[in-house]
Each structure stands twice: as structure tokens, then as C-alpha cells.
C-alpha atoms as a PDB file:
ATOM      1  CA  MET A   1    -112.082 -29.209  89.583  1.00  0.00           C
ATOM      2  CA  ASN A   2    -110.751 -25.922  88.256  1.00  0.00           C
ATOM      3  CA  THR A   3    -112.395 -22.969  86.534  1.00  0.00           C
ATOM      4  CA  LEU A   4    -111.188 -20.589  83.843  1.00  0.00           C
ATOM      5  CA  GLU A   5    -112.808 -17.324  82.892  1.00  0.00           C
ATOM      6  CA  GLY A   6    -112.115 -14.907  80.075  1.00  0.00           C
ATOM      7  CA  LYS A   7    -112.849 -13.999  76.472  1.00  0.00           C
ATOM      8  CA  ALA A   8    -112.978 -16.868  73.988  1.00  0.00           C
ATOM      9  CA  LYS A   9    -110.467 -16.535  71.153  1.00  0.00           C
ATOM     10  CA  ARG A  10    -109.488 -18.581  68.095  1.00  0.00           C
ATOM     11  CA  ILE A  11    -112.570 -20.822  68.268  1.00  0.00           C
ATOM     12  CA  ARG A  12    -112.773 -23.936  66.098  1.00  0.00           C
ATOM     13  CA  PHE A  13    -115.797 -26.233  66.036  1.00  0.00           C
ATOM     14  CA  SER A  14    -116.051 -29.864  64.970  1.00  0.00           C
ATOM     15  CA  THR A  15    -118.409 -32.792  65.340  1.00  0.00           C
ATOM     16  CA  GLU A  16    -117.391 -36.327  66.292  1.00  0.00           C
ATOM     17  CA  PHE A  17    -119.408 -39.457  65.543  1.00  0.00           C
ATOM     18  CA  GLU A  18    -118.854 -42.747  67.364  1.00  0.00           C
ATOM     19  CA  GLY A  19    -120.644 -46.058  67.345  1.00  0.00           C
ATOM     20  CA  THR A  20    -121.795 -48.867  65.119  1.00  0.00           C
ATOM     21  CA  ASP A  21    -124.274 -49.236  62.279  1.00  0.00           C
ATOM     22  CA  SER A  22    -127.131 -49.674  64.761  1.00  0.00           C
ATOM     23  CA  GLN A  23    -126.222 -46.965  67.291  1.00  0.00           C
ATOM     24  CA  THR A  24    -124.314 -43.712  66.897  1.00  0.00           C
ATOM     25  CA  THR A  25    -123.475 -40.946  69.343  1.00  0.00           C
ATOM     26  CA  THR A  26    -122.638 -37.396  68.340  1.00  0.00           C
ATOM     27  CA  SER A  27    -120.321 -35.051  70.224  1.00  0.00           C
ATOM     28  CA  HIS A  28    -119.952 -31.339  69.571  1.00  0.00           C
ATOM     29  CA  VAL A  29    -116.417 -30.097  70.133  1.00  0.00           C
ATOM     30  CA  ALA A  30    -115.128 -26.551  70.561  1.00  0.00           C
ATOM     31  CA  VAL A  31    -111.403 -25.883  70.787  1.00  0.00           C
ATOM     32  CA  PHE A  32    -110.399 -22.351  71.730  1.00  0.00           C
ATOM     33  CA  GLU A  33    -108.197 -20.167  73.910  1.00  0.00           C
ATOM     34  CA  LEU A  34    -109.421 -18.759  77.177  1.00  0.00           C
ATOM     35  CA  ASP A  35    -107.222 -16.565  79.334  1.00  0.00           C
ATOM     36  CA  GLY A  36    -104.281 -17.586  77.106  1.00  0.00           C
ATOM     37  CA  LYS A  37    -104.801 -21.312  77.750  1.00  0.00           C
ATOM     38  CA  PRO A  38    -105.910 -23.957  75.227  1.00  0.00           C
ATOM     39  CA  VAL A  39    -109.361 -25.363  76.005  1.00  0.00           C
ATOM     40  CA  GLU A  40    -111.316 -28.319  74.628  1.00  0.00           C
ATOM     41  CA  LEU A  41    -115.033 -28.545  75.368  1.00  0.00           C
ATOM     42  CA  LYS A  42    -116.807 -31.720  74.211  1.00  0.00           C
ATOM     43  CA  LEU A  43    -120.546 -32.092  74.871  1.00  0.00           C
ATOM     44  CA  SER A  44    -123.477 -34.045  73.482  1.00  0.00           C
ATOM     45  CA  GLU A  45    -125.410 -30.781  73.045  1.00  0.00           C
ATOM     46  CA  ASN A  46    -124.620 -27.779  70.843  1.00  0.00           C
ATOM     47  CA  ILE A  47    -122.001 -25.389  72.207  1.00  0.00           C
ATOM     48  CA  ILE A  48    -123.094 -21.760  71.950  1.00  0.00           C
ATOM     49  CA  LEU A  49    -119.904 -19.728  71.677  1.00  0.00           C
ATOM     50  CA  ARG A  50    -118.664 -16.816  69.549  1.00  0.00           C
ATOM     51  CA  GLU A  51    -115.354 -15.023  69.249  1.00  0.00           C
ATOM     52  CA  GLY A  52    -114.985 -12.568  72.140  1.00  0.00           C
ATOM     53  CA  ASP A  53    -117.743 -14.033  74.347  1.00  0.00           C
ATOM     54  CA  GLN A  54    -117.067 -13.880  78.086  1.00  0.00           C
ATOM     55  CA  VAL A  55    -117.009 -17.516  79.260  1.00  0.00           C
ATOM     56  CA  LEU A  56    -116.672 -19.355  82.578  1.00  0.00           C
ATOM     57  CA  ILE A  57    -115.657 -22.986  82.147  1.00  0.00           C
ATOM     58  CA  ALA A  58    -115.085 -25.794  84.672  1.00  0.00           C
ATOM     59  CA  GLY A  59    -112.930 -28.844  84.086  1.00  0.00           C
ATOM     60  CA  THR A  60    -109.483 -30.344  84.536  1.00  0.00           C
ATOM     61  CA  THR A  61    -106.077 -29.879  82.934  1.00  0.00           C
ATOM     62  CA  LYS A  62    -104.357 -32.821  81.292  1.00  0.00           C
ATOM     63  CA  ARG A  63    -101.003 -32.475  79.503  1.00  0.00           C
ATOM     64  CA  GLY A  64    -101.413 -28.695  79.233  1.00  0.00           C
ATOM     65  CA  LEU A  65    -104.920 -28.823  77.743  1.00  0.00           C
ATOM     66  CA  PHE A  66    -107.855 -27.626  79.825  1.00  0.00           C
ATOM     67  CA  ARG A  67    -110.674 -30.131  79.232  1.00  0.00           C
ATOM     68  CA  GLY A  68    -113.975 -28.436  79.961  1.00  0.00           C
ATOM     69  CA  MET A  69    -116.906 -30.356  81.412  1.00  0.00           C
ATOM     70  CA  ALA A  70    -119.407 -27.484  81.753  1.00  0.00           C
ATOM     71  CA  TYR A  71    -119.577 -23.872  80.656  1.00  0.00           C
ATOM     72  CA  PHE A  72    -121.454 -20.620  81.159  1.00  0.00           C
ATOM     73  CA  ASN A  73    -121.385 -18.149  78.281  1.00  0.00           C
ATOM     74  CA  LYS A  74    -121.951 -14.939  80.232  1.00  0.00           C
ATOM     75  CA  THR A  75    -122.308 -12.834  77.094  1.00  0.00           C
ATOM     76  CA  VAL A  76    -125.466 -14.598  75.913  1.00  0.00           C
ATOM     77  CA  GLY A  77    -126.538 -16.241  79.198  1.00  0.00           C
ATOM     78  CA  VAL A  78    -126.242 -19.862  78.021  1.00  0.00           C
ATOM     79  CA  LYS A  79    -125.080 -22.755  80.223  1.00  0.00           C
ATOM     80  CA  GLY A  80    -124.124 -26.183  78.993  1.00  0.00           C
ATOM     81  CA  LYS A  81    -123.054 -29.528  80.415  1.00  0.00           C
ATOM     82  CA  GLU A  82    -122.896 -33.174  79.537  1.00  0.00           C
ATOM     83  CA  LYS A  83    -126.011 -35.192  80.326  1.00  0.00           C
ATOM     84  CA  THR A  84    -125.524 -37.388  83.391  1.00  0.00           C
ATOM     85  CA  ALA A  85    -128.757 -39.386  83.760  1.00  0.00           C
ATOM     86  CA  ALA A  86    -127.439 -42.386  81.811  1.00  0.00           C
ATOM     87  CA  LEU A  87    -124.234 -42.398  83.861  1.00  0.00           C
ATOM     88  CA  TRP A  88    -126.175 -42.416  87.141  1.00  0.00           C
ATOM     89  CA  ILE A  89    -128.551 -45.177  86.051  1.00  0.00           C
ATOM     90  CA  GLY A  90    -125.853 -47.293  84.408  1.00  0.00           C
ATOM     91  CA  GLY A  91    -123.485 -46.810  87.332  1.00  0.00           C
ATOM     92  CA  ILE A  92    -126.048 -47.961  89.872  1.00  0.00           C
ATOM     93  CA  ILE A  93    -127.096 -50.984  87.797  1.00  0.00           C
ATOM     94  CA  PHE A  94    -123.506 -52.032  87.059  1.00  0.00           C
ATOM     95  CA  CYS A  95    -122.511 -51.660  90.710  1.00  0.00           C
ATOM     96  CA  MET A  96    -125.143 -54.259  91.556  1.00  0.00           C
ATOM     97  CA  THR A  97    -123.351 -56.742  89.286  1.00  0.00           C
ATOM     98  CA  LEU A  98    -119.949 -57.700  90.691  1.00  0.00           C
ATOM     99  CA  LEU A  99    -118.550 -58.472  87.242  1.00  0.00           C
ATOM    100  CA  LEU A 100    -119.359 -54.938  86.045  1.00  0.00           C
ATOM    101  CA  LEU A 101    -118.525 -53.179  89.320  1.00  0.00           C
ATOM    102  CA  PRO A 102    -115.457 -51.322  87.946  1.00  0.00           C
ATOM    103  CA  PHE A 103    -117.517 -49.823  85.106  1.00  0.00           C
ATOM    104  CA  GLY A 104    -120.276 -48.901  87.556  1.00  0.00           C
ATOM    105  CA  ILE A 105    -117.827 -47.096  89.818  1.00  0.00           C
ATOM    106  CA  TRP A 106    -116.312 -45.298  86.810  1.00  0.00           C
ATOM    107  CA  ALA A 107    -119.768 -44.181  85.604  1.00  0.00           C
ATOM    108  CA  LEU A 108    -120.762 -42.873  89.035  1.00  0.00           C
ATOM    109  CA  MET A 109    -117.451 -41.021  89.477  1.00  0.00           C
ATOM    110  CA  ARG A 110    -117.828 -39.452  86.014  1.00  0.00           C
ATOM    111  CA  ALA A 111    -121.382 -38.336  86.840  1.00  0.00           C
ATOM    112  CA  ILE A 112    -120.186 -36.776  90.096  1.00  0.00           C
ATOM    113  CA  LYS A 113    -117.352 -34.904  88.308  1.00  0.00           C
ATOM    114  CA  LEU A 114    -119.762 -33.570  85.685  1.00  0.00           C
ATOM    115  CA  GLN A 115    -122.183 -32.410  88.393  1.00  0.00           C
ATOM    116  CA  ILE A 116    -119.358 -30.671  90.277  1.00  0.00           C
ATOM    117  CA  ALA A 117    -118.286 -28.950  87.030  1.00  0.00           C
ATOM    118  CA  PHE A 118    -121.797 -27.689  86.334  1.00  0.00           C
ATOM    119  CA  THR A 119    -122.172 -26.466  89.922  1.00  0.00           C
ATOM    120  CA  ALA A 120    -118.921 -24.507  89.482  1.00  0.00           C
ATOM    121  CA  VAL A 121    -120.310 -22.578  86.468  1.00  0.00           C
ATOM    122  CA  ASP A 122    -123.907 -22.318  87.694  1.00  0.00           C
ATOM    123  CA  LYS A 123    -123.433 -19.051  89.559  1.00  0.00           C
END
């Protein structure tokens, strides 16, 4: 897990919808530059971020893009992260079923990574 800190620049927001007719999930996406590096932050909650805000973000880099998992907007005092309760519950339940064990392990590992990311920005 890595962290980046700096002033947010060139911010673009979008919303992604996934799912079926009966169930839809919404993701809020912010793409911006931080400390000269491209950053993508995708969360299920609103992302509170303005041009020039001082931001601390935790995540990983993949193919040159820093993918944020949690953030702390120091300018306005707002912290944000992905919700992990469903991952914990689903991971535990799926681990009890041998057929779904790989998904259960993935869900638990994802929940752990998200918790580590939030701990990194929760200073």
C-alpha cells in the first residue's frame, strides 16, 4: 500500500452504473493529478474534492495509474473509503463453501486492503 499527498489538479468526475434490471450499483469516480501523478479514485460514496485541495490518498499503482482506495481531503477535513461490511460477510460465508472458496478469499483480501488503505489516510 502506497500513499500520495499533494494538491489536486485537473479533476474530472463521473458516475458509473453496473448491474441488471433488478439490482444496480453506483460508483463515483474522480480522476485527477496529485503530485504530478495520474490518480483514479472510485468509491460507492460521494467524493468531496475541489481543485487545489490538499489530499492524502492511499492505494496501489497499476500500469502508471495510481488507483486510490481511501482518501483524506485535508483542506475540508473529509475522509472517504469503500464500504467493506459486505466483503467481510460475503468472504466469510463463501469461505465456508468449498465451491465458492476462491471468491471468499478474494473478498476477504479486498476488505483487508481497503482497511489498510483507510488506516493509511486516517491520521
